[in-house]
């Protein structure tokens, strides 16, 4: 998809820039999850899903190196 978008504006996207964008999005996700869990919340199916998603995101960041 990134290549299509780049060609539409006449430039090829920088692969390193795209990788950094993905990394920034993961860190933004972690920040959002932590903000939710730092505030009062109940144990719900939604909070359980958020916890699993947080764990998966942190795991993916750790594997990125």
N, C-alpha and C. Protein backbone atom coordinates (compact mmCIF):
# COMPACT_ATOMS: atom_id res chain seq x y z
N UNK A 1 0.82 -1.19 0.00
CA UNK A 1 0.00 0.00 0.00
C UNK A 1 0.86 1.25 0.00
N UNK A 2 1.95 1.23 0.74
CA UNK A 2 2.81 2.39 0.80
C UNK A 2 3.34 2.80 -0.56
N UNK A 3 3.70 1.81 -1.39
CA UNK A 3 4.20 2.13 -2.72
C UNK A 3 3.13 2.80 -3.57
N UNK A 4 1.90 2.31 -3.50
CA UNK A 4 0.81 2.92 -4.27
C UNK A 4 0.63 4.37 -3.89
N UNK A 5 0.64 4.64 -2.59
CA UNK A 5 0.45 6.00 -2.11
C UNK A 5 1.61 6.88 -2.58
N UNK A 6 2.81 6.35 -2.53
CA UNK A 6 3.97 7.12 -2.97
C UNK A 6 3.92 7.44 -4.45
N UNK A 7 3.54 6.47 -5.24
CA UNK A 7 3.48 6.70 -6.67
C UNK A 7 2.38 7.71 -7.02
N UNK A 8 1.34 7.78 -6.26
CA UNK A 8 0.25 8.71 -6.52
C UNK A 8 0.72 10.16 -6.42
N UNK A 9 1.72 10.41 -5.58
CA UNK A 9 2.23 11.78 -5.44
C UNK A 9 3.58 11.94 -6.14
N UNK A 10 4.02 10.91 -6.87
CA UNK A 10 5.24 11.02 -7.64
C UNK A 10 6.52 10.72 -6.90
N UNK A 11 6.44 10.16 -5.71
CA UNK A 11 7.63 9.81 -4.94
C UNK A 11 7.50 8.40 -4.41
N UNK A 12 8.62 7.71 -4.34
CA UNK A 12 8.64 6.40 -3.68
C UNK A 12 8.82 6.65 -2.20
N UNK A 13 8.05 5.97 -1.36
CA UNK A 13 8.22 6.16 0.08
C UNK A 13 9.55 5.58 0.55
N UNK A 14 10.11 6.21 1.54
CA UNK A 14 11.37 5.76 2.13
C UNK A 14 11.08 4.58 3.06
N UNK A 15 11.63 3.40 2.78
CA UNK A 15 11.36 2.23 3.62
C UNK A 15 11.73 2.45 5.09
N UNK A 16 12.83 3.15 5.34
CA UNK A 16 13.21 3.41 6.73
C UNK A 16 12.20 4.33 7.41
N UNK A 17 11.71 5.30 6.66
CA UNK A 17 10.69 6.19 7.21
C UNK A 17 9.40 5.45 7.54
N UNK A 18 9.03 4.52 6.65
CA UNK A 18 7.83 3.72 6.92
C UNK A 18 8.02 2.85 8.15
N UNK A 19 9.22 2.28 8.30
CA UNK A 19 9.50 1.45 9.48
C UNK A 19 9.43 2.29 10.75
N UNK A 20 9.98 3.50 10.70
CA UNK A 20 9.92 4.38 11.88
C UNK A 20 8.49 4.79 12.19
N UNK A 21 7.69 4.99 11.16
CA UNK A 21 6.29 5.34 11.39
C UNK A 21 5.57 4.20 12.12
N UNK A 22 5.84 2.96 11.70
CA UNK A 22 5.23 1.81 12.39
C UNK A 22 5.68 1.72 13.83
N UNK A 23 6.95 2.01 14.08
CA UNK A 23 7.47 2.00 15.45
C UNK A 23 6.80 3.08 16.29
N UNK A 24 6.64 4.27 15.72
CA UNK A 24 5.99 5.36 16.44
C UNK A 24 4.55 5.00 16.78
N UNK A 25 3.87 4.34 15.87
CA UNK A 25 2.49 3.94 16.14
C UNK A 25 2.41 2.94 17.28
N UNK A 26 3.37 2.01 17.34
CA UNK A 26 3.37 1.04 18.44
C UNK A 26 3.60 1.74 19.78
N UNK A 27 4.53 2.69 19.82
CA UNK A 27 4.76 3.42 21.07
C UNK A 27 3.53 4.25 21.45
N UNK A 28 2.85 4.81 20.47
CA UNK A 28 1.62 5.56 20.75
C UNK A 28 0.55 4.63 21.32
N UNK A 29 0.47 3.41 20.79
CA UNK A 29 -0.49 2.43 21.33
C UNK A 29 -0.17 2.11 22.78
N UNK A 30 1.12 1.88 23.08
CA UNK A 30 1.53 1.58 24.47
C UNK A 30 1.14 2.74 25.38
N UNK A 31 1.40 3.96 24.95
CA UNK A 31 1.06 5.13 25.77
C UNK A 31 -0.44 5.20 26.02
N UNK A 32 -1.23 4.91 25.01
CA UNK A 32 -2.69 4.95 25.18
C UNK A 32 -3.16 3.87 26.15
N UNK A 33 -2.63 2.66 26.00
CA UNK A 33 -3.00 1.58 26.92
C UNK A 33 -2.61 1.93 28.36
N UNK A 34 -1.40 2.44 28.54
CA UNK A 34 -0.96 2.77 29.89
C UNK A 34 -1.81 3.88 30.50
N UNK A 35 -2.20 4.85 29.69
CA UNK A 35 -3.09 5.90 30.17
C UNK A 35 -4.41 5.32 30.66
N UNK A 36 -4.94 4.36 29.92
CA UNK A 36 -6.19 3.72 30.33
C UNK A 36 -6.02 2.94 31.64
N UNK A 37 -4.92 2.20 31.74
CA UNK A 37 -4.73 1.35 32.92
C UNK A 37 -4.28 2.12 34.15
N UNK A 38 -3.74 3.30 33.97
CA UNK A 38 -3.35 4.12 35.13
C UNK A 38 -4.56 4.78 35.77
N UNK A 39 -5.62 4.95 35.02
CA UNK A 39 -6.83 5.56 35.59
C UNK A 39 -7.74 4.46 36.13
N UNK A 40 -8.67 4.82 36.99
CA UNK A 40 -9.58 3.81 37.53
C UNK A 40 -10.33 3.09 36.40
N UNK A 41 -10.38 1.79 36.51
CA UNK A 41 -11.08 0.99 35.50
C UNK A 41 -11.54 -0.31 36.14
N UNK A 42 -12.53 -0.91 35.53
CA UNK A 42 -13.06 -2.19 36.01
C UNK A 42 -12.52 -3.31 35.15
N UNK A 43 -12.53 -4.51 35.72
CA UNK A 43 -12.16 -5.69 34.94
C UNK A 43 -13.35 -6.07 34.07
N UNK A 44 -13.22 -5.84 32.79
CA UNK A 44 -14.28 -6.13 31.82
C UNK A 44 -13.67 -6.91 30.66
N UNK A 45 -14.50 -7.48 29.82
CA UNK A 45 -13.94 -8.12 28.63
C UNK A 45 -13.10 -7.14 27.79
N UNK A 46 -13.52 -5.88 27.75
CA UNK A 46 -12.76 -4.87 27.01
C UNK A 46 -11.41 -4.59 27.63
N UNK A 47 -11.36 -4.51 28.96
CA UNK A 47 -10.06 -4.26 29.60
C UNK A 47 -9.15 -5.48 29.48
N UNK A 48 -9.73 -6.68 29.47
CA UNK A 48 -8.92 -7.89 29.27
C UNK A 48 -8.33 -7.90 27.86
N UNK A 49 -9.12 -7.49 26.88
CA UNK A 49 -8.63 -7.41 25.51
C UNK A 49 -7.53 -6.35 25.41
N UNK A 50 -7.74 -5.21 26.06
CA UNK A 50 -6.72 -4.16 26.04
C UNK A 50 -5.42 -4.65 26.67
N UNK A 51 -5.52 -5.41 27.76
CA UNK A 51 -4.31 -5.94 28.41
C UNK A 51 -3.56 -6.90 27.48
N UNK A 52 -4.31 -7.77 26.81
CA UNK A 52 -3.67 -8.69 25.86
C UNK A 52 -3.04 -7.93 24.70
N UNK A 53 -3.72 -6.89 24.25
CA UNK A 53 -3.19 -6.08 23.16
C UNK A 53 -1.92 -5.34 23.59
N UNK A 54 -1.93 -4.82 24.82
CA UNK A 54 -0.73 -4.16 25.35
C UNK A 54 0.42 -5.15 25.40
N UNK A 55 0.17 -6.34 25.92
CA UNK A 55 1.22 -7.35 26.02
C UNK A 55 1.76 -7.71 24.63
N UNK A 56 0.88 -7.85 23.67
CA UNK A 56 1.31 -8.18 22.31
C UNK A 56 2.13 -7.06 21.68
N UNK A 57 1.73 -5.82 21.94
CA UNK A 57 2.47 -4.68 21.39
C UNK A 57 3.85 -4.59 22.02
N UNK A 58 3.94 -4.77 23.33
CA UNK A 58 5.24 -4.74 24.00
C UNK A 58 6.12 -5.88 23.49
N UNK A 59 5.53 -7.04 23.31
CA UNK A 59 6.28 -8.19 22.78
C UNK A 59 6.82 -7.86 21.38
N UNK A 60 5.99 -7.27 20.53
CA UNK A 60 6.42 -6.91 19.18
C UNK A 60 7.55 -5.88 19.21
N UNK A 61 7.46 -4.93 20.13
CA UNK A 61 8.54 -3.94 20.27
C UNK A 61 9.83 -4.61 20.71
N UNK A 62 9.73 -5.56 21.63
CA UNK A 62 10.93 -6.26 22.11
C UNK A 62 11.57 -7.06 20.99
N UNK A 63 10.76 -7.63 20.13
CA UNK A 63 11.29 -8.43 19.02
C UNK A 63 11.89 -7.57 17.92
N UNK A 64 11.47 -6.30 17.87
CA UNK A 64 11.99 -5.38 16.86
C UNK A 64 13.47 -5.13 17.08
N UNK A 65 13.88 -5.16 18.35
CA UNK A 65 15.28 -4.99 18.68
C UNK A 65 15.59 -3.61 18.91
